[in-house]
Amino acid sequence: LDLKRAAAREALWRLVDSADVFVHNIRPHKILKLGFDPDRV
């Protein structure tokens, strides 16, 4: 998924709906910029 693209981000959100765990090792300001920070997820 190229998360720079809106369609790919929407696909990831759909996967979030079916997930038990969301894990990343992206630096906090970068995951916030992508829109997948803890508050939103």
Full PDB file with SEQRES, HELIX, SHEET, SSBOND, CRYST1, ORIGX, SCALE, CONECT and MASTER records, all heavy atoms in Angstrom:
SEQRES   1 A   41  LEU ASP LEU LYS ARG ALA ALA ALA ARG GLU ALA LEU TRP          
SEQRES   2 A   41  ARG LEU VAL ASP SER ALA ASP VAL PHE VAL HIS ASN ILE          
SEQRES   3 A   41  ARG PRO HIS LYS ILE LEU LYS LEU GLY PHE ASP PRO ASP          
SEQRES   4 A   41  ARG VAL                                                      
HELIX    1 AA1 ALA A    6  ASP A   17  1                                  12    
HELIX    2 AA2 PRO A   28  LEU A   34  1                                   7    
CRYST1    1.000    1.000    1.000  90.00  90.00  90.00 P 1           1          
ORIGX1      1.000000  0.000000  0.000000        0.00000                         
ORIGX2      0.000000  1.000000  0.000000        0.00000                         
ORIGX3      0.000000  0.000000  1.000000        0.00000                         
SCALE1      1.000000  0.000000  0.000000        0.00000                         
SCALE2      0.000000  1.000000  0.000000        0.00000                         
SCALE3      0.000000  0.000000  1.000000        0.00000                         
ATOM      1  N   LEU A   1       0.854  -1.186   0.000  1.00  0.00           N  
ATOM      2  CA  LEU A   1       0.000   0.000   0.000  1.00  0.00           C  
ATOM      3  C   LEU A   1       0.892   1.238   0.000  1.00  0.00           C  
ATOM      4  O   LEU A   1       1.741   1.389   0.890  1.00  0.00           O  
ATOM      5  CB  LEU A   1      -0.908   0.028   1.236  1.00  0.00           C  
ATOM      6  CG  LEU A   1      -1.970  -1.071   1.355  1.00  0.00           C  
ATOM      7  CD1 LEU A   1      -2.699  -0.965   2.694  1.00  0.00           C  
ATOM      8  CD2 LEU A   1      -2.976  -1.000   0.206  1.00  0.00           C  
ATOM      9  N   ASP A   2       0.706   2.083  -0.973  1.00  0.00           N  
ATOM     10  CA  ASP A   2       1.426   3.358  -1.014  1.00  0.00           C  
ATOM     11  C   ASP A   2       0.608   4.373  -0.223  1.00  0.00           C  
ATOM     12  O   ASP A   2      -0.348   4.968  -0.750  1.00  0.00           O  
ATOM     13  CB  ASP A   2       1.599   3.808  -2.463  1.00  0.00           C  
ATOM     14  CG  ASP A   2       2.392   5.108  -2.567  1.00  0.00           C  
ATOM     15  OD1 ASP A   2       2.761   5.679  -1.518  1.00  0.00           O  
ATOM     16  OD2 ASP A   2       2.648   5.550  -3.712  1.00  0.00           O  
ATOM     17  N   LEU A   3       0.967   4.554   1.039  1.00  0.00           N  
ATOM     18  CA  LEU A   3       0.139   5.369   1.937  1.00  0.00           C  
ATOM     19  C   LEU A   3       0.220   6.854   1.639  1.00  0.00           C  
ATOM     20  O   LEU A   3      -0.436   7.655   2.309  1.00  0.00           O  
ATOM     21  CB  LEU A   3       0.524   5.078   3.392  1.00  0.00           C  
ATOM     22  CG  LEU A   3       0.252   3.638   3.851  1.00  0.00           C  
ATOM     23  CD1 LEU A   3       0.674   3.445   5.295  1.00  0.00           C  
ATOM     24  CD2 LEU A   3      -1.216   3.264   3.663  1.00  0.00           C  
ATOM     25  N   LYS A   4       0.974   7.229   0.612  1.00  0.00           N  
ATOM     26  CA  LYS A   4       0.925   8.612   0.135  1.00  0.00           C  
ATOM     27  C   LYS A   4      -0.328   8.849  -0.707  1.00  0.00           C  
ATOM     28  O   LYS A   4      -0.685  10.000  -0.984  1.00  0.00           O  
ATOM     29  CB  LYS A   4       2.170   8.923  -0.689  1.00  0.00           C  
ATOM     30  CG  LYS A   4       3.469   8.855   0.101  1.00  0.00           C  
ATOM     31  CD  LYS A   4       4.673   9.081  -0.792  1.00  0.00           C  
ATOM     32  CE  LYS A   4       5.969   8.949   0.000  1.00  0.00           C  
ATOM     33  NZ  LYS A   4       7.170   9.091  -0.869  1.00  0.00           N  
ATOM     34  N   ARG A   5      -0.992   7.764  -1.104  1.00  0.00           N  
ATOM     35  CA  ARG A   5      -2.170   7.850  -1.958  1.00  0.00           C  
ATOM     36  C   ARG A   5      -3.437   7.643  -1.131  1.00  0.00           C  
ATOM     37  O   ARG A   5      -3.507   6.764  -0.279  1.00  0.00           O  
ATOM     38  CB  ARG A   5      -2.094   6.809  -3.079  1.00  0.00           C  
ATOM     39  CG  ARG A   5      -0.856   6.970  -3.964  1.00  0.00           C  
ATOM     40  CD  ARG A   5      -0.806   5.920  -5.073  1.00  0.00           C  
ATOM     41  NE  ARG A   5      -1.948   6.055  -5.962  1.00  0.00           N  
ATOM     42  CZ  ARG A   5      -2.974   5.228  -5.995  1.00  0.00           C  
ATOM     43  NH1 ARG A   5      -3.010   4.169  -5.178  1.00  0.00           N  
ATOM     44  NH2 ARG A   5      -3.982   5.428  -6.822  1.00  0.00           N  
ATOM     45  N   ALA A   6      -4.462   8.451  -1.416  1.00  0.00           N  
ATOM     46  CA  ALA A   6      -5.702   8.408  -0.648  1.00  0.00           C  
ATOM     47  C   ALA A   6      -6.375   7.048  -0.728  1.00  0.00           C  
ATOM     48  O   ALA A   6      -6.901   6.545   0.271  1.00  0.00           O  
ATOM     49  CB  ALA A   6      -6.650   9.503  -1.127  1.00  0.00           C  
ATOM     50  N   ALA A   7      -6.377   6.430  -1.908  1.00  0.00           N  
ATOM     51  CA  ALA A   7      -7.047   5.133  -2.061  1.00  0.00           C  
ATOM     52  C   ALA A   7      -6.378   4.074  -1.195  1.00  0.00           C  
ATOM     53  O   ALA A   7      -7.057   3.222  -0.599  1.00  0.00           O  
ATOM     54  CB  ALA A   7      -7.038   4.712  -3.526  1.00  0.00           C  
ATOM     55  N   ALA A   8      -5.055   4.118  -1.093  1.00  0.00           N  
ATOM     56  CA  ALA A   8      -4.336   3.143  -0.267  1.00  0.00           C  
ATOM     57  C   ALA A   8      -4.594   3.392   1.213  1.00  0.00           C  
ATOM     58  O   ALA A   8      -4.736   2.434   1.994  1.00  0.00           O  
ATOM     59  CB  ALA A   8      -2.840   3.206  -0.567  1.00  0.00           C  
ATOM     60  N   ARG A   9      -4.663   4.663   1.605  1.00  0.00           N  
ATOM     61  CA  ARG A   9      -4.973   4.959   3.019  1.00  0.00           C  
ATOM     62  C   ARG A   9      -6.374   4.469   3.371  1.00  0.00           C  
ATOM     63  O   ARG A   9      -6.590   3.924   4.459  1.00  0.00           O  
ATOM     64  CB  ARG A   9      -4.837   6.455   3.288  1.00  0.00           C  
ATOM     65  CG  ARG A   9      -3.395   6.953   3.219  1.00  0.00           C  
ATOM     66  CD  ARG A   9      -3.265   8.343   3.823  1.00  0.00           C  
ATOM     67  NE  ARG A   9      -4.026   9.349   3.101  1.00  0.00           N  
ATOM     68  CZ  ARG A   9      -3.600  10.025   2.039  1.00  0.00           C  
ATOM     69  NH1 ARG A   9      -2.391   9.778   1.538  1.00  0.00           N  
ATOM     70  NH2 ARG A   9      -4.369  10.942   1.451  1.00  0.00           N  
ATOM     71  N   GLU A  10      -7.317   4.631   2.458  1.00  0.00           N  
ATOM     72  CA  GLU A  10      -8.676   4.143   2.716  1.00  0.00           C  
ATOM     73  C   GLU A  10      -8.689   2.622   2.838  1.00  0.00           C  
ATOM     74  O   GLU A  10      -9.399   2.055   3.666  1.00  0.00           O  
ATOM     75  CB  GLU A  10      -9.626   4.603   1.610  1.00  0.00           C  
ATOM     76  CG  GLU A  10     -11.066   4.122   1.785  1.00  0.00           C  
ATOM     77  CD  GLU A  10     -11.661   4.442   3.162  1.00  0.00           C  
ATOM     78  OE1 GLU A  10     -11.375   5.536   3.704  1.00  0.00           O  
ATOM     79  OE2 GLU A  10     -12.393   3.589   3.705  1.00  0.00           O  
ATOM     80  N   ALA A  11      -7.870   1.959   2.030  1.00  0.00           N  
ATOM     81  CA  ALA A  11      -7.773   0.503   2.138  1.00  0.00           C  
ATOM     82  C   ALA A  11      -7.219   0.098   3.497  1.00  0.00           C  
ATOM     83  O   ALA A  11      -7.704  -0.873   4.114  1.00  0.00           O  
ATOM     84  CB  ALA A  11      -6.889  -0.041   1.023  1.00  0.00           C  
ATOM     85  N   LEU A  12      -6.222   0.831   3.986  1.00  0.00           N  
ATOM     86  CA  LEU A  12      -5.678   0.508   5.299  1.00  0.00           C  
ATOM     87  C   LEU A  12      -6.717   0.733   6.387  1.00  0.00           C  
ATOM     88  O   LEU A  12      -6.814  -0.062   7.329  1.00  0.00           O  
ATOM     89  CB  LEU A  12      -4.422   1.339   5.572  1.00  0.00           C  
ATOM     90  CG  LEU A  12      -3.703   1.048   6.895  1.00  0.00           C  
ATOM     91  CD1 LEU A  12      -3.322  -0.427   7.025  1.00  0.00           C  
ATOM     92  CD2 LEU A  12      -2.454   1.925   7.044  1.00  0.00           C  
ATOM     93  N   TRP A  13      -7.523   1.783   6.257  1.00  0.00           N  
ATOM     94  CA  TRP A  13      -8.581   1.990   7.242  1.00  0.00           C  
ATOM     95  C   TRP A  13      -9.550   0.805   7.244  1.00  0.00           C  
ATOM     96  O   TRP A  13     -10.014   0.373   8.312  1.00  0.00           O  
ATOM     97  CB  TRP A  13      -9.345   3.281   6.958  1.00  0.00           C  
ATOM     98  CG  TRP A  13      -8.649   4.521   7.432  1.00  0.00           C  
ATOM     99  CD1 TRP A  13      -8.250   5.589   6.688  1.00  0.00           C  
ATOM    100  CD2 TRP A  13      -8.276   4.832   8.783  1.00  0.00           C  
ATOM    101  NE1 TRP A  13      -7.643   6.530   7.477  1.00  0.00           N  
ATOM    102  CE2 TRP A  13      -7.652   6.098   8.768  1.00  0.00           C  
ATOM    103  CE3 TRP A  13      -8.394   4.155   9.999  1.00  0.00           C  
ATOM    104  CZ2 TRP A  13      -7.151   6.699   9.921  1.00  0.00           C  
ATOM    105  CZ3 TRP A  13      -7.909   4.754  11.153  1.00  0.00           C  
ATOM    106  CH2 TRP A  13      -7.296   6.009  11.107  1.00  0.00           C  
ATOM    107  N   ARG A  14      -9.846   0.275   6.071  1.00  0.00           N  
ATOM    108  CA  ARG A  14     -10.744  -0.879   6.010  1.00  0.00           C  
ATOM    109  C   ARG A  14     -10.108  -2.084   6.719  1.00  0.00           C  
ATOM    110  O   ARG A  14     -10.800  -2.851   7.404  1.00  0.00           O  
ATOM    111  CB  ARG A  14     -11.049  -1.218   4.554  1.00  0.00           C  
ATOM    112  CG  ARG A  14     -12.159  -2.246   4.354  1.00  0.00           C  
ATOM    113  CD  ARG A  14     -13.551  -1.612   4.389  1.00  0.00           C  
ATOM    114  NE  ARG A  14     -13.749  -0.693   3.294  1.00  0.00           N  
ATOM    115  CZ  ARG A  14     -14.193  -1.024   2.072  1.00  0.00           C  
ATOM    116  NH1 ARG A  14     -14.476  -2.294   1.794  1.00  0.00           N  
ATOM    117  NH2 ARG A  14     -14.373  -0.101   1.155  1.00  0.00           N  
ATOM    118  N   LEU A  15      -8.798  -2.241   6.580  1.00  0.00           N  
ATOM    119  CA  LEU A  15      -8.106  -3.324   7.272  1.00  0.00           C  
ATOM    120  C   LEU A  15      -8.077  -3.084   8.781  1.00  0.00           C  
ATOM    121  O   LEU A  15      -8.140  -4.029   9.570  1.00  0.00           O  
ATOM    122  CB  LEU A  15      -6.687  -3.480   6.725  1.00  0.00           C  
ATOM    123  CG  LEU A  15      -6.572  -3.966   5.280  1.00  0.00           C  
ATOM    124  CD1 LEU A  15      -5.126  -3.897   4.813  1.00  0.00           C  
ATOM    125  CD2 LEU A  15      -7.115  -5.380   5.134  1.00  0.00           C  
ATOM    126  N   VAL A  16      -7.980  -1.820   9.183  1.00  0.00           N  
ATOM    127  CA  VAL A  16      -8.037  -1.494  10.616  1.00  0.00           C  
ATOM    128  C   VAL A  16      -9.334  -1.994  11.228  1.00  0.00           C  
ATOM    129  O   VAL A  16      -9.371  -2.480  12.368  1.00  0.00           O  
ATOM    130  CB  VAL A  16      -7.868   0.027  10.823  1.00  0.00           C  
ATOM    131  CG1 VAL A  16      -8.285   0.447  12.243  1.00  0.00           C  
ATOM    132  CG2 VAL A  16      -6.426   0.456  10.552  1.00  0.00           C  
ATOM    133  N   ASP A  17     -10.417  -1.913  10.477  1.00  0.00           N  
ATOM    134  CA  ASP A  17     -11.718  -2.341  10.994  1.00  0.00           C  
ATOM    135  C   ASP A  17     -11.728  -3.808  11.400  1.00  0.00           C  
ATOM    136  O   ASP A  17     -12.483  -4.206  12.292  1.00  0.00           O  
ATOM    137  CB  ASP A  17     -12.805  -2.112   9.928  1.00  0.00           C  
ATOM    138  CG  ASP A  17     -13.087  -0.647   9.684  1.00  0.00           C  
ATOM    139  OD1 ASP A  17     -12.749   0.185  10.547  1.00  0.00           O  
ATOM    140  OD2 ASP A  17     -13.635  -0.337   8.604  1.00  0.00           O  
ATOM    141  N   SER A  18     -10.917  -4.629  10.748  1.00  0.00           N  
ATOM    142  CA  SER A  18     -10.932  -6.068  11.028  1.00  0.00           C  
ATOM    143  C   SER A  18      -9.735  -6.531  11.857  1.00  0.00           C  
ATOM    144  O   SER A  18      -9.545  -7.730  12.039  1.00  0.00           O  
ATOM    145  CB  SER A  18     -10.951  -6.851   9.710  1.00  0.00           C  
ATOM    146  OG  SER A  18      -9.745  -6.635   8.982  1.00  0.00           O  
ATOM    147  N   ALA A  19      -8.949  -5.585  12.354  1.00  0.00           N  
ATOM    148  CA  ALA A  19      -7.701  -5.938  13.032  1.00  0.00           C  
ATOM    149  C   ALA A  19      -7.857  -5.962  14.546  1.00  0.00           C  
ATOM    150  O   ALA A  19      -8.663  -5.232  15.127  1.00  0.00           O  
ATOM    151  CB  ALA A  19      -6.595  -4.964  12.645  1.00  0.00           C  
ATOM    152  N   ASP A  20      -7.060  -6.795  15.173  1.00  0.00           N  
ATOM    153  CA  ASP A  20      -6.945  -6.811  16.631  1.00  0.00           C  
ATOM    154  C   ASP A  20      -5.772  -5.968  17.113  1.00  0.00           C  
ATOM    155  O   ASP A  20      -5.802  -5.440  18.224  1.00  0.00           O  
ATOM    156  CB  ASP A  20      -6.751  -8.251  17.118  1.00  0.00           C  
ATOM    157  CG  ASP A  20      -7.931  -9.134  16.759  1.00  0.00           C  
ATOM    158  OD1 ASP A  20      -8.991  -8.955  17.375  1.00  0.00           O  
ATOM    159  OD2 ASP A  20      -7.793  -9.969  15.859  1.00  0.00           O  
ATOM    160  N   VAL A  21      -4.734  -5.884  16.290  1.00  0.00           N  
ATOM    161  CA  VAL A  21      -3.524  -5.150  16.665  1.00  0.00           C  
ATOM    162  C   VAL A  21      -3.055  -4.339  15.467  1.00  0.00           C  
ATOM    163  O   VAL A  21      -3.054  -4.829  14.330  1.00  0.00           O  
ATOM    164  CB  VAL A  21      -2.389  -6.103  17.112  1.00  0.00           C  
ATOM    165  CG1 VAL A  21      -1.132  -5.316  17.495  1.00  0.00           C  
ATOM    166  CG2 VAL A  21      -2.840  -6.981  18.282  1.00  0.00           C  
ATOM    167  N   PHE A  22      -2.651  -3.103  15.737  1.00  0.00           N  
ATOM    168  CA  PHE A  22      -2.018  -2.233  14.750  1.00  0.00           C  
ATOM    169  C   PHE A  22      -0.646  -1.901  15.310  1.00  0.00           C  
ATOM    170  O   PHE A  22      -0.530  -1.300  16.378  1.00  0.00           O  
ATOM    171  CB  PHE A  22      -2.854  -0.962  14.568  1.00  0.00           C  
ATOM    172  CG  PHE A  22      -2.328   0.022  13.553  1.00  0.00           C  
ATOM    173  CD1 PHE A  22      -2.862   0.073  12.278  1.00  0.00           C  
ATOM    174  CD2 PHE A  22      -1.310   0.925  13.879  1.00  0.00           C  
ATOM    175  CE1 PHE A  22      -2.400   0.996  11.341  1.00  0.00           C  
ATOM    176  CE2 PHE A  22      -0.850   1.844  12.954  1.00  0.00           C  
ATOM    177  CZ  PHE A  22      -1.386   1.883  11.680  1.00  0.00           C  
ATOM    178  N   VAL A  23       0.428  -2.333  14.615  1.00  0.00           N  
ATOM    179  CA  VAL A  23       1.778  -2.134  15.152  1.00  0.00           C  
ATOM    180  C   VAL A  23       2.648  -1.472  14.098  1.00  0.00           C  
ATOM    181  O   VAL A  23       2.609  -1.833  12.918  1.00  0.00           O  
ATOM    182  CB  VAL A  23       2.394  -3.471  15.643  1.00  0.00           C  
ATOM    183  CG1 VAL A  23       2.397  -4.533  14.578  1.00  0.00           C  
ATOM    184  CG2 VAL A  23       3.812  -3.257  16.174  1.00  0.00           C  
ATOM    185  N   HIS A  24       3.431  -0.476  14.526  1.00  0.00           N  
ATOM    186  CA  HIS A  24       4.324   0.211  13.594  1.00  0.00           C  
ATOM    187  C   HIS A  24       5.586   0.625  14.346  1.00  0.00           C  
ATOM    188  O   HIS A  24       5.592   0.750  15.579  1.00  0.00           O  
ATOM    189  CB  HIS A  24       3.644   1.450  12.991  1.00  0.00           C  
ATOM    190  CG  HIS A  24       3.492   2.575  13.983  1.00  0.00           C  
ATOM    191  ND1 HIS A  24       4.481   3.516  14.209  1.00  0.00           N  
ATOM    192  CD2 HIS A  24       2.468   2.902  14.813  1.00  0.00           C  
ATOM    193  CE1 HIS A  24       4.080   4.365  15.130  1.00  0.00           C  
ATOM    194  NE2 HIS A  24       2.857   4.019  15.524  1.00  0.00           N  
ATOM    195  N   ASN A  25       6.668   0.851  13.591  1.00  0.00           N  
ATOM    196  CA  ASN A  25       7.858   1.471  14.177  1.00  0.00           C  
ATOM    197  C   ASN A  25       8.249   2.718  13.395  1.00  0.00           C  
ATOM    198  O   ASN A  25       9.415   2.993  13.140  1.00  0.00           O  
ATOM    199  CB  ASN A  25       9.027   0.481  14.281  1.00  0.00           C  
ATOM    200  CG  ASN A  25       9.467  -0.089  12.941  1.00  0.00           C  
ATOM    201  OD1 ASN A  25       8.808   0.098  11.918  1.00  0.00           O  
ATOM    202  ND2 ASN A  25      10.592  -0.794  12.931  1.00  0.00           N  
ATOM    203  N   ILE A  26       7.227   3.482  13.037  1.00  0.00           N  
ATOM    204  CA  ILE A  26       7.380   4.761  12.354  1.00  0.00           C  
ATOM    205  C   ILE A  26       7.471   5.851  13.413  1.00  0.00           C  
ATOM    206  O   ILE A  26       6.760   5.819  14.421  1.00  0.00           O  
ATOM    207  CB  ILE A  26       6.177   5.003  11.416  1.00  0.00           C  
ATOM    208  CG1 ILE A  26       6.058   3.849  10.407  1.00  0.00           C  
ATOM    209  CG2 ILE A  26       6.294   6.340  10.697  1.00  0.00           C  
ATOM    210  CD1 ILE A  26       4.752   3.842   9.627  1.00  0.00           C  
ATOM    211  N   ARG A  27       8.343   6.827  13.194  1.00  0.00           N  
ATOM    212  CA  ARG A  27       8.487   7.899  14.183  1.00  0.00           C  
ATOM    213  C   ARG A  27       7.170   8.657  14.360  1.00  0.00           C  
ATOM    214  O   ARG A  27       6.392   8.806  13.401  1.00  0.00           O  
ATOM    215  CB  ARG A  27       9.612   8.838  13.781  1.00  0.00           C  
ATOM    216  CG  ARG A  27      10.984   8.225  14.009  1.00  0.00           C  
ATOM    217  CD  ARG A  27      12.076   9.239  13.766  1.00  0.00           C  
ATOM    218  NE  ARG A  27      12.363   9.416  12.356  1.00  0.00           N  
ATOM    219  CZ  ARG A  27      13.056  10.432  11.866  1.00  0.00           C  
ATOM    220  NH1 ARG A  27      13.501  11.382  12.683  1.00  0.00           N  
ATOM    221  NH2 ARG A  27      13.294  10.519  10.578  1.00  0.00           N  
ATOM    222  N   PRO A  28       6.893   9.117  15.604  1.00  0.00           N  
ATOM    223  CA  PRO A  28       5.565   9.662  15.909  1.00  0.00           C  
ATOM    224  C   PRO A  28       5.094  10.755  14.966  1.00  0.00           C  
ATOM    225  O   PRO A  28       3.922  10.761  14.543  1.00  0.00           O  
ATOM    226  CB  PRO A  28       5.727  10.188  17.341  1.00  0.00           C  
ATOM    227  CG  PRO A  28       6.795   9.325  17.932  1.00  0.00           C  
ATOM    228  CD  PRO A  28       7.746   9.042  16.809  1.00  0.00           C  
ATOM    229  N   HIS A  29       5.955  11.696  14.587  1.00  0.00           N  
ATOM    230  CA  HIS A  29       5.488  12.787  13.732  1.00  0.00           C  
ATOM    231  C   HIS A  29       5.162  12.298  12.324  1.00  0.00           C  
ATOM    232  O   HIS A  29       4.298  12.870  11.648  1.00  0.00           O  
ATOM    233  CB  HIS A  29       6.534  13.914  13.685  1.00  0.00           C  
ATOM    234  CG  HIS A  29       7.825  13.552  13.042  1.00  0.00           C  
ATOM    235  ND1 HIS A  29       8.792  12.795  13.666  1.00  0.00           N  
ATOM    236  CD2 HIS A  29       8.311  13.835  11.801  1.00  0.00           C  
ATOM    237  CE1 HIS A  29       9.826  12.651  12.847  1.00  0.00           C  
ATOM    238  NE2 HIS A  29       9.565  13.256  11.717  1.00  0.00           N  
ATOM    239  N   LYS A  30       5.812  11.215  11.901  1.00  0.00           N  
ATOM    240  CA  LYS A  30       5.538  10.696  10.559  1.00  0.00           C  
ATOM    241  C   LYS A  30       4.242   9.898  10.519  1.00  0.00           C  
ATOM    242  O   LYS A  30       3.483   9.976   9.552  1.00  0.00           O  
ATOM    243  CB  LYS A  30       6.716   9.858  10.075  1.00  0.00           C  
ATOM    244  CG  LYS A  30       7.964  10.691   9.800  1.00  0.00           C  
ATOM    245  CD  LYS A  30       9.002   9.917   9.021  1.00  0.00           C  
ATOM    246  CE  LYS A  30      10.136  10.826   8.589  1.00  0.00           C  
ATOM    247  NZ  LYS A  30      11.121  10.144   7.715  1.00  0.00           N  
ATOM    248  N   ILE A  31       3.975   9.106  11.563  1.00  0.00           N  
ATOM    249  CA  ILE A  31       2.714   8.361  11.583  1.00  0.00           C  
ATOM    250  C   ILE A  31       1.540   9.319  11.747  1.00  0.00           C  
ATOM    251  O   ILE A  31       0.451   9.109  11.201  1.00  0.00           O  
ATOM    252  CB  ILE A  31       2.729   7.267  12.690  1.00  0.00           C  
ATOM    253  CG1 ILE A  31       1.624   6.224  12.446  1.00  0.00           C  
ATOM    254  CG2 ILE A  31       2.582   7.860  14.071  1.00  0.00           C  
ATOM    255  CD1 ILE A  31       1.898   5.285  11.311  1.00  0.00           C  
ATOM    256  N   LEU A  32       1.764  10.436  12.467  1.00  0.00           N  
ATOM    257  CA  LEU A  32       0.728  11.460  12.607  1.00  0.00           C  
ATOM    258  C   LEU A  32       0.422  12.088  11.254  1.00  0.00           C  
ATOM    259  O   LEU A  32      -0.743  12.296  10.892  1.00  0.00           O  
ATOM    260  CB  LEU A  32       1.195  12.529  13.597  1.00  0.00           C  
ATOM    261  CG  LEU A  32       0.240  13.696  13.842  1.00  0.00           C  
ATOM    262  CD1 LEU A  32      -1.044  13.213  14.500  1.00  0.00           C  
ATOM    263  CD2 LEU A  32       0.910  14.761  14.721  1.00  0.00           C  
ATOM    264  N   LYS A  33       1.464  12.364  10.479  1.00  0.00           N  
ATOM    265  CA  LYS A  33       1.275  12.961   9.152  1.00  0.00           C  
ATOM    266  C   LYS A  33       0.507  12.027   8.229  1.00  0.00           C  
ATOM    267  O   LYS A  33      -0.314  12.469   7.419  1.00  0.00           O  
ATOM    268  CB  LYS A  33       2.632  13.317   8.551  1.00  0.00           C  
ATOM    269  CG  LYS A  33       2.553  14.044   7.223  1.00  0.00           C  
ATOM    270  CD  LYS A  33       3.936  14.435   6.725  1.00  0.00           C  
ATOM    271  CE  LYS A  33       3.856  15.159   5.386  1.00  0.00           C  
ATOM    272  NZ  LYS A  33       5.213  15.542   4.894  1.00  0.00           N  
ATOM    273  N   LEU A  34       0.740  10.727   8.356  1.00  0.00           N  
ATOM    274  CA  LEU A  34       0.009   9.755   7.544  1.00  0.00           C  
ATOM    275  C   LEU A  34      -1.453   9.635   7.963  1.00  0.00           C  
ATOM    276  O   LEU A  34      -2.287   9.142   7.201  1.00  0.00           O  
ATOM    277  CB  LEU A  34       0.671   8.378   7.638  1.00  0.00           C  
ATOM    278  CG  LEU A  34       1.990   8.187   6.891  1.00  0.00           C  
ATOM    279  CD1 LEU A  34       2.606   6.840   7.250  1.00  0.00           C  
ATOM    280  CD2 LEU A  34       1.770   8.280   5.379  1.00  0.00           C  
ATOM    281  N   GLY A  35      -1.746  10.051   9.215  1.00  0.00           N  
ATOM    282  CA  GLY A  35      -3.116   9.995   9.702  1.00  0.00           C  
ATOM    283  C   GLY A  35      -3.457   8.756  10.498  1.00  0.00           C  
ATOM    284  O   GLY A  35      -4.625   8.528  10.833  1.00  0.00           O  
ATOM    285  N   PHE A  36      -2.426   7.951  10.852  1.00  0.00           N  
ATOM    286  CA  PHE A  36      -2.679   6.706  11.575  1.00  0.00           C  
ATOM    287  C   PHE A  36      -2.066   6.737  12.971  1.00  0.00           C  
ATOM    288  O   PHE A  36      -1.520   5.751  13.452  1.00  0.00           O  
ATOM    289  CB  PHE A  36      -2.161   5.522  10.757  1.00  0.00           C  
ATOM    290  CG  PHE A  36      -2.967   5.277   9.509  1.00  0.00           C  
ATOM    291  CD1 PHE A  36      -2.614   5.898   8.317  1.00  0.00           C  
ATOM    292  CD2 PHE A  36      -4.096   4.483   9.541  1.00  0.00           C  
ATOM    293  CE1 PHE A  36      -3.363   5.696   7.170  1.00  0.00           C  
ATOM    294  CE2 PHE A  36      -4.857   4.282   8.399  1.00  0.00           C  
ATOM    295  CZ  PHE A  36      -4.494   4.893   7.200  1.00  0.00           C  
ATOM    296  N   ASP A  37      -2.179   7.885  13.622  1.00  0.00           N  
ATOM    297  CA  ASP A  37      -1.741   8.032  15.006  1.00  0.00           C  
ATOM    298  C   ASP A  37      -2.710   7.295  15.915  1.00  0.00           C  
ATOM    299  O   ASP A  37      -3.810   6.912  15.501  1.00  0.00           O  
ATOM    300  CB  ASP A  37      -1.671   9.519  15.371  1.00  0.00           C  
ATOM    301  CG  ASP A  37      -2.986  10.223  15.101  1.00  0.00           C  
ATOM    302  OD1 ASP A  37      -3.261  10.548  13.917  1.00  0.00           O  
ATOM    303  OD2 ASP A  37      -3.770  10.400  16.047  1.00  0.00           O  
ATOM    304  N   PRO A  38      -2.330   7.068  17.184  1.00  0.00           N  
ATOM    305  CA  PRO A  38      -3.179   6.236  18.053  1.00  0.00           C  
ATOM    306  C   PRO A  38      -4.577   6.777  18.257  1.00  0.00           C  
ATOM    307  O   PRO A  38      -5.540   6.006  18.318  1.00  0.00           O  
ATOM    308  CB  PRO A  38      -2.387   6.163  19.366  1.00  0.00           C  
ATOM    309  CG  PRO A  38      -1.346   7.232  19.273  1.00  0.00           C  
ATOM    310  CD  PRO A  38      -1.065   7.421  17.833  1.00  0.00           C  
ATOM    311  N   ASP A  39      -4.713   8.085  18.370  1.00  0.00           N  
ATOM    312  CA  ASP A  39      -6.049   8.636  18.633  1.00  0.00           C  
ATOM    313  C   ASP A  39      -7.004   8.322  17.494  1.00  0.00           C  
ATOM    314  O   ASP A  39      -8.151   7.910  17.713  1.00  0.00           O  
ATOM    315  CB  ASP A  39      -5.967  10.148  18.851  1.00  0.00           C  
ATOM    316  CG  ASP A  39      -5.277  10.512  20.156  1.00  0.00           C  
ATOM    317  OD1 ASP A  39      -5.240   9.654  21.064  1.00  0.00           O  
ATOM    318  OD2 ASP A  39      -4.760  11.636  20.270  1.00  0.00           O  
ATOM    319  N   ARG A  40      -6.538   8.500  16.249  1.00  0.00           N  
ATOM    320  CA  ARG A  40      -7.438   8.273  15.128  1.00  0.00           C  
ATOM    321  C   ARG A  40      -7.702   6.784  14.896  1.00  0.00           C  
ATOM    322  O   ARG A  40      -8.839   6.393  14.590  1.00  0.00           O  
ATOM    323  CB  ARG A  40      -6.869   8.941  13.872  1.00  0.00           C  
ATOM    324  CG  ARG A  40      -7.240  10.424  13.803  1.00  0.00           C  
ATOM    325  CD  ARG A  40      -6.696  11.105  12.573  1.00  0.00           C  
ATOM    326  NE  ARG A  40      -5.322  11.529  12.777  1.00  0.00           N  
ATOM    327  CZ  ARG A  40      -4.673  12.377  11.970  1.00  0.00           C  
ATOM    328  NH1 ARG A  40      -5.291  12.850  10.890  1.00  0.00           N  
ATOM    329  NH2 ARG A  40      -3.430  12.736  12.217  1.00  0.00           N  
ATOM    330  N   VAL A  41      -6.690   5.958  15.045  1.00  0.00           N  
ATOM    331  CA  VAL A  41      -6.897   4.524  14.824  1.00  0.00           C  
ATOM    332  C   VAL A  41      -7.826   3.951  15.892  1.00  0.00           C  
ATOM    333  O   VAL A  41      -8.741   3.165  15.585  1.00  0.00           O  
ATOM    334  CB  VAL A  41      -5.549   3.784  14.814  1.00  0.00           C  
ATOM    335  CG1 VAL A  41      -5.753   2.274  14.831  1.00  0.00           C  
ATOM    336  CG2 VAL A  41      -4.738   4.188  13.585  1.00  0.00           C  
TER     337      VAL A  41                                                      
MASTER        0    0    0    2    0    0    0    6  336    1    0    4          
END                                                                             
